[in-house]
């Protein structure tokens, strides 16, 4: 349960960061039977599908190192399903968010697709 709580805290930190940066949060923890998207946000007529990774320290690498090719395929698949179900045929991007520090104080974003 602690991992779930920590993950939700990291996702909340990213959502707040996005809001302060001018994004509108459309969905959080959107799920189907086969996939999940941590955060769906929109800015400037582009939808962003965001995977959040948290690390309390960087000793074993940051969150970006844990987004592997398999996860990228899952993200793309989930994004396509979300787009279809919501009737979105505009621009969209996949984004990774790395959160670090014991108080979730560091948030970095990188566009990956």
C-alpha atoms as a PDB file:
ATOM      1  CA  UNK A   1       0.000   0.000   0.000  1.00  0.00           C
ATOM      2  CA  UNK A   2       2.904   2.372   0.666  1.00  0.00           C
ATOM      3  CA  UNK A   3       4.020   2.063  -2.986  1.00  0.00           C
ATOM      4  CA  UNK A   4       0.541   3.024  -4.189  1.00  0.00           C
ATOM      5  CA  UNK A   5       0.470   6.004  -1.834  1.00  0.00           C
ATOM      6  CA  UNK A   6       3.961   7.087  -2.931  1.00  0.00           C
ATOM      7  CA  UNK A   7       2.988   6.715  -6.589  1.00  0.00           C
ATOM      8  CA  UNK A   8      -0.148   8.796  -6.109  1.00  0.00           C
ATOM      9  CA  UNK A   9       1.853  11.462  -4.286  1.00  0.00           C
ATOM     10  CA  UNK A  10       4.316  11.601  -7.202  1.00  0.00           C
ATOM     11  CA  UNK A  11       1.447  11.808  -9.703  1.00  0.00           C
ATOM     12  CA  UNK A  12      -0.107  14.635  -7.696  1.00  0.00           C
ATOM     13  CA  UNK A  13       3.228  16.500  -7.735  1.00  0.00           C
ATOM     14  CA  UNK A  14       3.369  16.146 -11.535  1.00  0.00           C
ATOM     15  CA  UNK A  15      -0.285  17.189 -11.950  1.00  0.00           C
ATOM     16  CA  UNK A  16       0.343  20.330  -9.870  1.00  0.00           C
ATOM     17  CA  UNK A  17       3.505  21.081 -11.854  1.00  0.00           C
ATOM     18  CA  UNK A  18       1.543  20.715 -15.101  1.00  0.00           C
ATOM     19  CA  UNK A  19      -1.291  22.964 -13.890  1.00  0.00           C
ATOM     20  CA  UNK A  20       1.209  25.655 -12.880  1.00  0.00           C
ATOM     21  CA  UNK A  21       2.765  25.333 -16.360  1.00  0.00           C
ATOM     22  CA  UNK A  22      -0.545  25.977 -18.105  1.00  0.00           C
ATOM     23  CA  UNK A  23      -1.764  22.438 -18.776  1.00  0.00           C
ATOM     24  CA  UNK A  24      -5.346  21.310 -18.211  1.00  0.00           C
ATOM     25  CA  UNK A  25      -5.618  17.889 -16.549  1.00  0.00           C
ATOM     26  CA  UNK A  26      -8.123  15.784 -18.490  1.00  0.00           C
ATOM     27  CA  UNK A  27      -7.719  12.416 -16.738  1.00  0.00           C
ATOM     28  CA  UNK A  28      -5.733  10.748 -13.978  1.00  0.00           C
ATOM     29  CA  UNK A  29      -5.149   7.012 -13.699  1.00  0.00           C
ATOM     30  CA  UNK A  30      -7.254   6.322 -16.781  1.00  0.00           C
ATOM     31  CA  UNK A  31      -7.553   2.557 -17.215  1.00  0.00           C
ATOM     32  CA  UNK A  32      -8.858  -0.127 -19.503  1.00  0.00           C
ATOM     33  CA  UNK A  33      -8.601  -3.863 -18.928  1.00  0.00           C
ATOM     34  CA  UNK A  34      -5.181  -3.918 -20.584  1.00  0.00           C
ATOM     35  CA  UNK A  35      -3.533  -0.525 -20.081  1.00  0.00           C
ATOM     36  CA  UNK A  36      -3.285   2.586 -17.930  1.00  0.00           C
ATOM     37  CA  UNK A  37      -2.254   6.195 -18.367  1.00  0.00           C
ATOM     38  CA  UNK A  38      -1.072   8.068 -15.259  1.00  0.00           C
ATOM     39  CA  UNK A  39      -2.036  11.563 -16.434  1.00  0.00           C
ATOM     40  CA  UNK A  40      -3.725  12.907 -19.558  1.00  0.00           C
ATOM     41  CA  UNK A  41      -3.271  16.648 -19.982  1.00  0.00           C
ATOM     42  CA  UNK A  42      -3.869  19.245 -22.684  1.00  0.00           C
ATOM     43  CA  UNK A  43      -2.105  22.457 -23.642  1.00  0.00           C
ATOM     44  CA  UNK A  44      -2.201  24.471 -26.856  1.00  0.00           C
ATOM     45  CA  UNK A  45      -4.553  22.004 -28.583  1.00  0.00           C
ATOM     46  CA  UNK A  46      -2.193  19.062 -27.976  1.00  0.00           C
ATOM     47  CA  UNK A  47      -3.000  16.134 -25.687  1.00  0.00           C
ATOM     48  CA  UNK A  48      -0.147  14.758 -23.565  1.00  0.00           C
ATOM     49  CA  UNK A  49      -0.093  11.213 -22.172  1.00  0.00           C
ATOM     50  CA  UNK A  50       2.206  11.197 -19.167  1.00  0.00           C
ATOM     51  CA  UNK A  51       3.902   8.285 -17.432  1.00  0.00           C
ATOM     52  CA  UNK A  52       5.117   9.178 -13.935  1.00  0.00           C
ATOM     53  CA  UNK A  53       8.142   7.470 -12.379  1.00  0.00           C
ATOM     54  CA  UNK A  54       9.301   8.212  -8.837  1.00  0.00           C
ATOM     55  CA  UNK A  55      12.683   7.565  -7.234  1.00  0.00           C
ATOM     56  CA  UNK A  56      13.457   8.615  -3.674  1.00  0.00           C
ATOM     57  CA  UNK A  57      17.135   8.883  -4.616  1.00  0.00           C
ATOM     58  CA  UNK A  58      19.122   8.748  -7.822  1.00  0.00           C
ATOM     59  CA  UNK A  59      21.564   6.076  -6.612  1.00  0.00           C
ATOM     60  CA  UNK A  60      19.996   3.469  -8.911  1.00  0.00           C
ATOM     61  CA  UNK A  61      19.196   5.894 -11.699  1.00  0.00           C
ATOM     62  CA  UNK A  62      16.393   8.319 -12.255  1.00  0.00           C
ATOM     63  CA  UNK A  63      12.860   7.597 -13.331  1.00  0.00           C
ATOM     64  CA  UNK A  64      13.612   8.016 -17.033  1.00  0.00           C
ATOM     65  CA  UNK A  65      15.839   4.927 -17.017  1.00  0.00           C
ATOM     66  CA  UNK A  66      12.826   2.810 -16.032  1.00  0.00           C
ATOM     67  CA  UNK A  67      10.762   3.612 -19.106  1.00  0.00           C
ATOM     68  CA  UNK A  68      11.751   0.798 -21.442  1.00  0.00           C
ATOM     69  CA  UNK A  69      10.677  -0.046 -25.007  1.00  0.00           C
ATOM     70  CA  UNK A  70       7.862  -2.279 -23.736  1.00  0.00           C
ATOM     71  CA  UNK A  71       6.453   0.572 -21.637  1.00  0.00           C
ATOM     72  CA  UNK A  72       6.635   2.928 -24.616  1.00  0.00           C
ATOM     73  CA  UNK A  73       4.551   0.501 -26.689  1.00  0.00           C
ATOM     74  CA  UNK A  74       2.024   0.220 -23.850  1.00  0.00           C
ATOM     75  CA  UNK A  75       1.835   4.014 -23.586  1.00  0.00           C
ATOM     76  CA  UNK A  76       1.288   4.402 -27.321  1.00  0.00           C
ATOM     77  CA  UNK A  77      -1.404   1.696 -27.306  1.00  0.00           C
ATOM     78  CA  UNK A  78      -3.176   3.315 -24.344  1.00  0.00           C
ATOM     79  CA  UNK A  79      -2.978   6.765 -25.960  1.00  0.00           C
ATOM     80  CA  UNK A  80      -4.558   5.471 -29.157  1.00  0.00           C
ATOM     81  CA  UNK A  81      -7.407   3.884 -27.181  1.00  0.00           C
ATOM     82  CA  UNK A  82      -7.952   7.100 -25.185  1.00  0.00           C
ATOM     83  CA  UNK A  83      -7.979   9.141 -28.402  1.00  0.00           C
ATOM     84  CA  UNK A  84     -10.498   6.790 -29.996  1.00  0.00           C
ATOM     85  CA  UNK A  85     -12.809   6.708 -26.967  1.00  0.00           C
ATOM     86  CA  UNK A  86     -12.712  10.482 -26.580  1.00  0.00           C
ATOM     87  CA  UNK A  87     -13.025  11.298 -30.287  1.00  0.00           C
ATOM     88  CA  UNK A  88      -9.652  13.067 -30.372  1.00  0.00           C
ATOM     89  CA  UNK A  89      -7.916  13.166 -33.753  1.00  0.00           C
ATOM     90  CA  UNK A  90      -5.630  16.121 -33.089  1.00  0.00           C
ATOM     91  CA  UNK A  91      -1.984  16.292 -32.037  1.00  0.00           C
ATOM     92  CA  UNK A  92      -0.797  14.176 -29.137  1.00  0.00           C
ATOM     93  CA  UNK A  93       2.502  13.355 -27.435  1.00  0.00           C
ATOM     94  CA  UNK A  94       3.911  10.792 -25.031  1.00  0.00           C
ATOM     95  CA  UNK A  95       5.741  12.311 -22.079  1.00  0.00           C
ATOM     96  CA  UNK A  96       7.747  10.849 -19.218  1.00  0.00           C
ATOM     97  CA  UNK A  97       7.781  12.600 -15.857  1.00  0.00           C
ATOM     98  CA  UNK A  98      10.540  11.785 -13.394  1.00  0.00           C
ATOM     99  CA  UNK A  99       9.930  12.723  -9.775  1.00  0.00           C
ATOM    100  CA  UNK A 100      12.703  12.455  -7.212  1.00  0.00           C
ATOM    101  CA  UNK A 101      13.548  13.323  -3.660  1.00  0.00           C
ATOM    102  CA  UNK A 102      12.014  12.243  -0.384  1.00  0.00           C
ATOM    103  CA  UNK A 103       9.480  15.081  -0.547  1.00  0.00           C
ATOM    104  CA  UNK A 104       8.776  14.684  -4.290  1.00  0.00           C
ATOM    105  CA  UNK A 105      10.297  18.122  -4.789  1.00  0.00           C
ATOM    106  CA  UNK A 106      11.967  17.559  -8.175  1.00  0.00           C
ATOM    107  CA  UNK A 107       9.814  17.116 -11.299  1.00  0.00           C
ATOM    108  CA  UNK A 108      11.360  16.779 -14.764  1.00  0.00           C
ATOM    109  CA  UNK A 109       9.502  16.175 -18.034  1.00  0.00           C
ATOM    110  CA  UNK A 110      10.800  14.742 -21.282  1.00  0.00           C
ATOM    111  CA  UNK A 111       8.797  14.316 -24.475  1.00  0.00           C
ATOM    112  CA  UNK A 112       9.443  10.840 -25.832  1.00  0.00           C
ATOM    113  CA  UNK A 113       7.170  10.603 -28.857  1.00  0.00           C
END
